[in-house]
Amino acid sequence: MNAINRESILNKTHYGLGIYSHILRLYYPDETVLRLVERDCGLCRNPFNANKETLHIFIEKEIIIGNAFDKEFAATKIAKMLPPQAMRSTLPNCITNSKAMNY
């Protein structure tokens, strides 16, 4: 049996897009809630902002650069690549940015 961890969840939910899709389908069951083009879903309806198209969902790949206190980084001199994950941002004056794994 595979361990449940952050990477396995991101892998099984297409980087977390499945999580956003599931939540949005609860509010809009008869609609296509996400349209992925490359790594961007564009603007989607936001059930937490009067159903306005203010929700921007996209896939982002993070690069974490080690520092002098990171022994592994100091030994390898290589930046760590985190797995891609779905991110969300909203237009100004809306909910702040976050990651799928925050839910």
Protein backbone atom coordinates (compact mmCIF):
# COMPACT_ATOMS: atom_id res chain seq x y z
CA MET A 1 0.00 0.00 0.00
CA ASN A 2 1.35 3.42 -0.92
CA ALA A 3 1.85 6.03 1.76
CA ILE A 4 -0.43 9.05 1.64
CA ASN A 5 1.79 12.08 1.35
CA ARG A 6 1.87 15.41 -0.43
CA GLU A 7 3.54 14.06 -3.58
CA SER A 8 1.14 11.12 -3.99
CA ILE A 9 -1.89 13.41 -3.60
CA LEU A 10 -0.51 15.86 -6.18
CA ASN A 11 0.22 12.96 -8.53
CA LYS A 12 -3.28 11.46 -8.27
CA THR A 13 -5.09 14.82 -8.59
CA HIS A 14 -3.17 16.15 -11.63
CA TYR A 15 -1.06 18.48 -9.47
CA GLY A 16 -4.10 19.44 -7.38
CA LEU A 17 -6.38 20.49 -10.23
CA GLY A 18 -8.71 17.64 -9.31
CA ILE A 19 -9.15 19.19 -5.86
CA TYR A 20 -10.16 22.56 -7.30
CA SER A 21 -12.38 20.86 -9.89
CA HIS A 22 -14.17 18.83 -7.22
CA ILE A 23 -14.88 21.90 -5.08
CA LEU A 24 -16.09 23.96 -8.04
CA ARG A 25 -18.35 21.14 -9.30
CA LEU A 26 -20.14 21.20 -5.94
CA TYR A 27 -21.20 24.78 -6.75
CA TYR A 28 -21.59 24.41 -10.54
CA PRO A 29 -22.64 20.78 -11.18
CA ASP A 30 -23.88 21.24 -14.76
CA GLU A 31 -20.91 23.25 -16.05
CA THR A 32 -17.38 22.65 -17.22
CA VAL A 33 -15.60 24.28 -14.30
CA LEU A 34 -11.97 24.16 -15.52
CA ARG A 35 -10.38 24.36 -18.97
CA LEU A 36 -6.67 23.59 -18.86
CA VAL A 37 -4.50 25.08 -21.63
CA GLU A 38 -0.84 24.23 -21.09
CA ARG A 39 -0.44 25.12 -17.37
CA ASP A 40 -3.27 27.66 -17.04
CA CYS A 41 -7.03 27.36 -16.50
CA GLY A 42 -7.61 31.08 -16.99
CA LEU A 43 -10.35 32.81 -15.03
CA CYS A 44 -13.07 30.66 -13.48
CA ARG A 45 -16.29 31.50 -11.66
CA ASN A 46 -15.67 32.08 -7.98
CA PRO A 47 -18.44 30.80 -5.67
CA PHE A 48 -16.98 32.88 -2.83
CA ASN A 49 -17.19 36.16 -4.77
CA ALA A 50 -20.79 36.31 -6.03
CA ASN A 51 -20.03 33.86 -8.89
CA LYS A 52 -17.87 36.42 -10.68
CA GLU A 53 -14.99 35.22 -12.89
CA THR A 54 -12.28 36.22 -10.45
CA LEU A 55 -10.68 32.85 -9.70
CA HIS A 56 -7.43 32.13 -11.58
CA ILE A 57 -6.16 28.56 -11.34
CA PHE A 58 -2.81 27.52 -12.79
CA ILE A 59 -0.01 24.99 -12.33
CA GLU A 60 3.26 26.31 -10.96
CA LYS A 61 6.56 24.56 -10.46
CA GLU A 62 8.53 25.84 -7.50
CA ILE A 63 12.29 25.91 -7.24
CA ILE A 64 13.62 26.08 -3.71
CA ILE A 65 17.17 27.35 -3.49
CA GLY A 66 19.13 26.09 -0.50
CA ASN A 67 21.03 28.41 1.78
CA ALA A 68 24.22 28.28 3.82
CA PHE A 69 22.40 26.48 6.66
CA ASP A 70 21.05 23.74 4.36
CA LYS A 71 23.64 20.93 4.62
CA GLU A 72 22.25 18.98 1.67
CA PHE A 73 22.35 22.05 -0.57
CA ALA A 74 25.84 22.97 0.56
CA ALA A 75 27.03 19.47 -0.31
CA THR A 76 25.35 19.18 -3.72
CA LYS A 77 25.12 22.82 -4.86
CA ILE A 78 21.87 21.94 -6.68
CA ALA A 79 18.51 23.68 -6.33
CA LYS A 80 15.67 21.46 -5.16
CA MET A 81 12.73 21.09 -7.54
CA LEU A 82 9.40 20.60 -5.84
CA PRO A 83 6.69 18.80 -7.80
CA PRO A 84 4.34 21.05 -9.79
CA GLN A 85 1.09 21.92 -8.08
CA ALA A 86 -2.09 23.79 -8.79
CA MET A 87 -2.19 27.32 -7.47
CA ARG A 88 -4.97 29.84 -7.22
CA SER A 89 -5.01 33.56 -7.32
CA THR A 90 -7.85 36.01 -7.56
CA LEU A 91 -8.30 39.42 -9.01
CA PRO A 92 -7.57 42.40 -6.72
CA ASN A 93 -9.73 42.84 -3.62
CA CYS A 94 -10.51 39.11 -3.45
CA ILE A 95 -9.23 36.12 -1.48
CA THR A 96 -5.43 35.86 -1.28
CA ASN A 97 -3.31 33.40 -3.28
CA SER A 98 -2.88 29.81 -2.10
CA LYS A 99 -1.97 26.26 -3.10
CA ALA A 100 -4.25 23.27 -3.59
CA MET A 101 -2.57 21.49 -0.70
CA ASN A 102 -3.72 24.23 1.69
CA TYR A 103 -7.21 22.71 1.57
